[in-house]
Amino acid sequence: MLTKRKKINAIKDVKRHETDTGSPEAQVAILSKQIEELTTHLKKNHKDNHSRRGLLQMVANRRKHLKYLEKENKRKYNSLIKTLGLKK
């Protein structure tokens, strides 16, 4: 679970405007942070299959947002990938 402060820090580098929480860039940043936290949880609790299912759903959701962003604006997509350190 992301705290409010962690969420704000995740969005800080990719936001379009001051109150941005819904743009694809912000959504991908939030999902990436959640995926990182859940991955560390699953390394400790390898039998937690319910959380593993949630992780797979988050990864699929992030992939959808990235695909949309790539289709709409290739330049922003490339800068987001570089900023978050994701693989292409």
N, C-alpha and C. Protein backbone atom coordinates (compact mmCIF):
# COMPACT_ATOMS: atom_id res chain seq x y z
N MET A 1 0.83 -1.18 0.00
CA MET A 1 0.00 0.00 0.00
C MET A 1 0.88 1.25 0.00
N LEU A 2 0.62 2.12 -0.93
CA LEU A 2 1.39 3.36 -1.01
C LEU A 2 0.83 4.40 -0.05
N THR A 3 1.72 5.07 0.65
CA THR A 3 1.29 6.19 1.47
C THR A 3 1.14 7.42 0.57
N LYS A 4 0.52 8.44 1.09
CA LYS A 4 0.29 9.65 0.31
C LYS A 4 1.62 10.28 -0.10
N ARG A 5 2.59 10.27 0.80
CA ARG A 5 3.90 10.86 0.52
C ARG A 5 4.63 10.09 -0.58
N LYS A 6 4.57 8.76 -0.54
CA LYS A 6 5.23 7.95 -1.58
C LYS A 6 4.59 8.19 -2.94
N LYS A 7 3.27 8.33 -2.94
CA LYS A 7 2.55 8.58 -4.19
C LYS A 7 2.93 9.94 -4.78
N ILE A 8 3.02 10.95 -3.93
CA ILE A 8 3.41 12.29 -4.38
C ILE A 8 4.82 12.28 -4.94
N ASN A 9 5.73 11.56 -4.26
CA ASN A 9 7.11 11.47 -4.73
C ASN A 9 7.21 10.72 -6.05
N ALA A 10 6.36 9.72 -6.26
CA ALA A 10 6.37 8.97 -7.51
C ALA A 10 5.91 9.85 -8.68
N ILE A 11 4.92 10.70 -8.42
CA ILE A 11 4.36 11.54 -9.49
C ILE A 11 5.22 12.77 -9.76
N LYS A 12 6.00 13.19 -8.79
CA LYS A 12 6.72 14.47 -8.83
C LYS A 12 7.50 14.69 -10.13
N ASP A 13 8.18 13.68 -10.64
CA ASP A 13 9.04 13.87 -11.81
C ASP A 13 8.30 13.80 -13.14
N VAL A 14 7.10 13.23 -13.15
CA VAL A 14 6.43 13.00 -14.43
C VAL A 14 5.13 13.77 -14.61
N LYS A 15 4.73 14.56 -13.63
CA LYS A 15 3.43 15.22 -13.71
C LYS A 15 3.38 16.30 -14.79
N ARG A 16 2.20 16.47 -15.36
CA ARG A 16 1.99 17.47 -16.41
C ARG A 16 1.70 18.84 -15.82
N HIS A 17 1.00 18.88 -14.69
CA HIS A 17 0.69 20.14 -14.00
C HIS A 17 0.66 19.86 -12.51
N GLU A 18 0.41 20.86 -11.71
CA GLU A 18 0.55 20.77 -10.25
C GLU A 18 -0.35 19.72 -9.61
N THR A 19 -1.59 19.61 -10.04
CA THR A 19 -2.52 18.68 -9.41
C THR A 19 -2.74 17.42 -10.24
N ASP A 20 -1.76 17.04 -11.01
CA ASP A 20 -1.89 15.90 -11.93
C ASP A 20 -1.82 14.58 -11.16
N THR A 21 -2.88 13.78 -11.30
CA THR A 21 -2.86 12.42 -10.78
C THR A 21 -3.45 11.43 -11.78
N GLY A 22 -4.03 11.92 -12.86
CA GLY A 22 -4.75 11.05 -13.76
C GLY A 22 -4.13 10.86 -15.13
N SER A 23 -3.07 11.59 -15.44
CA SER A 23 -2.46 11.43 -16.75
C SER A 23 -1.80 10.06 -16.85
N PRO A 24 -1.62 9.55 -18.06
CA PRO A 24 -0.99 8.23 -18.21
C PRO A 24 0.40 8.17 -17.56
N GLU A 25 1.13 9.27 -17.64
CA GLU A 25 2.47 9.30 -17.05
C GLU A 25 2.39 9.12 -15.53
N ALA A 26 1.44 9.82 -14.91
CA ALA A 26 1.29 9.72 -13.45
C ALA A 26 0.79 8.33 -13.05
N GLN A 27 -0.12 7.79 -13.82
CA GLN A 27 -0.64 6.46 -13.52
C GLN A 27 0.46 5.40 -13.61
N VAL A 28 1.30 5.50 -14.63
CA VAL A 28 2.40 4.55 -14.78
C VAL A 28 3.39 4.69 -13.64
N ALA A 29 3.66 5.91 -13.21
CA ALA A 29 4.58 6.13 -12.10
C ALA A 29 4.04 5.52 -10.81
N ILE A 30 2.75 5.71 -10.55
CA ILE A 30 2.14 5.15 -9.35
C ILE A 30 2.15 3.63 -9.41
N LEU A 31 1.76 3.08 -10.55
CA LEU A 31 1.75 1.62 -10.70
C LEU A 31 3.15 1.04 -10.55
N SER A 32 4.15 1.72 -11.08
CA SER A 32 5.52 1.23 -10.97
C SER A 32 5.96 1.17 -9.51
N LYS A 33 5.61 2.18 -8.75
CA LYS A 33 5.96 2.20 -7.33
C LYS A 33 5.24 1.08 -6.58
N GLN A 34 3.96 0.87 -6.89
CA GLN A 34 3.20 -0.21 -6.25
C GLN A 34 3.79 -1.58 -6.62
N ILE A 35 4.19 -1.74 -7.87
CA ILE A 35 4.76 -2.99 -8.32
C ILE A 35 6.07 -3.27 -7.59
N GLU A 36 6.89 -2.24 -7.42
CA GLU A 36 8.15 -2.41 -6.68
C GLU A 36 7.89 -2.87 -5.25
N GLU A 37 6.93 -2.24 -4.57
CA GLU A 37 6.63 -2.61 -3.19
C GLU A 37 6.07 -4.02 -3.09
N LEU A 38 5.19 -4.39 -4.01
CA LEU A 38 4.59 -5.71 -3.97
C LEU A 38 5.62 -6.78 -4.33
N THR A 39 6.56 -6.45 -5.18
CA THR A 39 7.61 -7.40 -5.53
C THR A 39 8.47 -7.73 -4.33
N THR A 40 8.82 -6.71 -3.55
CA THR A 40 9.61 -6.98 -2.35
C THR A 40 8.80 -7.80 -1.33
N HIS A 41 7.50 -7.56 -1.25
CA HIS A 41 6.65 -8.36 -0.36
C HIS A 41 6.65 -9.82 -0.80
N LEU A 42 6.54 -10.05 -2.10
CA LEU A 42 6.45 -11.42 -2.60
C LEU A 42 7.79 -12.16 -2.51
N LYS A 43 8.90 -11.43 -2.46
CA LYS A 43 10.18 -12.10 -2.25
C LYS A 43 10.26 -12.70 -0.85
N LYS A 44 9.63 -12.03 0.11
CA LYS A 44 9.61 -12.53 1.49
C LYS A 44 8.52 -13.58 1.69
N ASN A 45 7.38 -13.38 1.03
CA ASN A 45 6.21 -14.24 1.21
C ASN A 45 5.88 -14.93 -0.11
N HIS A 46 6.67 -15.92 -0.46
CA HIS A 46 6.55 -16.52 -1.79
C HIS A 46 5.27 -17.36 -1.97
N LYS A 47 4.56 -17.68 -0.91
CA LYS A 47 3.33 -18.46 -1.04
C LYS A 47 2.08 -17.59 -1.12
N ASP A 48 2.22 -16.31 -1.12
CA ASP A 48 1.09 -15.38 -1.14
C ASP A 48 0.57 -15.24 -2.58
N ASN A 49 -0.27 -16.18 -2.98
CA ASN A 49 -0.74 -16.20 -4.37
C ASN A 49 -1.79 -15.14 -4.65
N HIS A 50 -2.51 -14.69 -3.65
CA HIS A 50 -3.51 -13.65 -3.86
C HIS A 50 -2.83 -12.33 -4.23
N SER A 51 -1.74 -12.03 -3.55
CA SER A 51 -0.99 -10.81 -3.88
C SER A 51 -0.30 -10.95 -5.22
N ARG A 52 0.14 -12.15 -5.55
CA ARG A 52 0.78 -12.38 -6.85
C ARG A 52 -0.20 -12.09 -7.99
N ARG A 53 -1.45 -12.47 -7.81
CA ARG A 53 -2.47 -12.20 -8.82
C ARG A 53 -2.66 -10.70 -8.98
N GLY A 54 -2.69 -9.97 -7.86
CA GLY A 54 -2.81 -8.52 -7.91
C GLY A 54 -1.62 -7.89 -8.60
N LEU A 55 -0.44 -8.44 -8.36
CA LEU A 55 0.76 -7.93 -9.03
C LEU A 55 0.65 -8.11 -10.54
N LEU A 56 0.20 -9.26 -10.98
CA LEU A 56 0.06 -9.50 -12.41
C LEU A 56 -0.97 -8.56 -13.03
N GLN A 57 -2.02 -8.25 -12.30
CA GLN A 57 -3.02 -7.30 -12.80
C GLN A 57 -2.44 -5.90 -12.91
N MET A 58 -1.62 -5.51 -11.93
CA MET A 58 -0.99 -4.19 -11.98
C MET A 58 -0.02 -4.09 -13.16
N VAL A 59 0.73 -5.15 -13.40
CA VAL A 59 1.68 -5.14 -14.52
C VAL A 59 0.93 -5.02 -15.84
N ALA A 60 -0.18 -5.75 -15.97
CA ALA A 60 -0.99 -5.66 -17.19
C ALA A 60 -1.59 -4.26 -17.36
N ASN A 61 -2.02 -3.67 -16.26
CA ASN A 61 -2.60 -2.32 -16.32
C ASN A 61 -1.53 -1.30 -16.72
N ARG A 62 -0.33 -1.44 -16.16
CA ARG A 62 0.76 -0.53 -16.52
C ARG A 62 1.12 -0.69 -18.00
N ARG A 63 1.11 -1.92 -18.48
CA ARG A 63 1.40 -2.17 -19.89
C ARG A 63 0.37 -1.50 -20.80
N LYS A 64 -0.91 -1.54 -20.39
CA LYS A 64 -1.96 -0.88 -21.17
C LYS A 64 -1.74 0.64 -21.22
N HIS A 65 -1.41 1.22 -20.07
CA HIS A 65 -1.15 2.66 -20.04
C HIS A 65 0.05 3.01 -20.91
N LEU A 66 1.09 2.21 -20.86
CA LEU A 66 2.28 2.49 -21.67
C LEU A 66 1.98 2.35 -23.16
N LYS A 67 1.18 1.36 -23.51
CA LYS A 67 0.82 1.17 -24.92
C LYS A 67 0.02 2.36 -25.43
N TYR A 68 -0.90 2.85 -24.62
CA TYR A 68 -1.69 4.04 -24.98
C TYR A 68 -0.78 5.25 -25.16
N LEU A 69 0.13 5.45 -24.20
CA LEU A 69 1.01 6.60 -24.26
C LEU A 69 1.93 6.52 -25.47
N GLU A 70 2.40 5.33 -25.80
CA GLU A 70 3.26 5.16 -26.97
C GLU A 70 2.50 5.50 -28.25
N LYS A 71 1.24 5.11 -28.30
CA LYS A 71 0.42 5.39 -29.47
C LYS A 71 0.14 6.89 -29.60
N GLU A 72 -0.13 7.56 -28.50
CA GLU A 72 -0.50 8.97 -28.52
C GLU A 72 0.69 9.92 -28.66
N ASN A 73 1.76 9.65 -27.93
CA ASN A 73 2.89 10.58 -27.92
C ASN A 73 4.18 9.80 -27.68
N LYS A 74 4.87 9.49 -28.75
CA LYS A 74 6.08 8.66 -28.67
C LYS A 74 7.18 9.35 -27.86
N ARG A 75 7.29 10.66 -27.96
CA ARG A 75 8.34 11.40 -27.25
C ARG A 75 8.15 11.30 -25.74
N LYS A 76 6.91 11.51 -25.27
CA LYS A 76 6.63 11.40 -23.85
C LYS A 76 6.81 9.98 -23.35
N TYR A 77 6.46 9.02 -24.19
CA TYR A 77 6.66 7.61 -23.84
C TYR A 77 8.13 7.31 -23.60
N ASN A 78 8.97 7.75 -24.51
CA ASN A 78 10.40 7.49 -24.37
C ASN A 78 11.00 8.19 -23.15
N SER A 79 10.57 9.41 -22.89
CA SER A 79 11.09 10.12 -21.71
C SER A 79 10.61 9.45 -20.42
N LEU A 80 9.38 8.95 -20.40
CA LEU A 80 8.86 8.26 -19.22
C LEU A 80 9.61 6.96 -18.95
N ILE A 81 9.86 6.21 -20.00
CA ILE A 81 10.62 4.96 -19.86
C ILE A 81 12.00 5.25 -19.27
N LYS A 82 12.63 6.29 -19.78
CA LYS A 82 13.96 6.65 -19.30
C LYS A 82 13.91 7.15 -17.85
N THR A 83 12.91 7.95 -17.51
CA THR A 83 12.78 8.51 -16.17
C THR A 83 12.55 7.41 -15.13
N LEU A 84 11.67 6.45 -15.45
CA LEU A 84 11.32 5.41 -14.49
C LEU A 84 12.28 4.23 -14.54
N GLY A 85 13.10 4.16 -15.56
CA GLY A 85 14.05 3.05 -15.68
C GLY A 85 13.40 1.75 -16.05
N LEU A 86 12.38 1.81 -16.89
CA LEU A 86 11.68 0.60 -17.33
C LEU A 86 12.31 0.05 -18.59
N LYS A 87 12.07 -1.22 -18.85
CA LYS A 87 12.53 -1.81 -20.11
C LYS A 87 11.53 -1.50 -21.19
N LYS A 88 11.96 -1.48 -22.42
CA LYS A 88 11.05 -1.20 -23.54
C LYS A 88 10.27 -2.42 -23.90
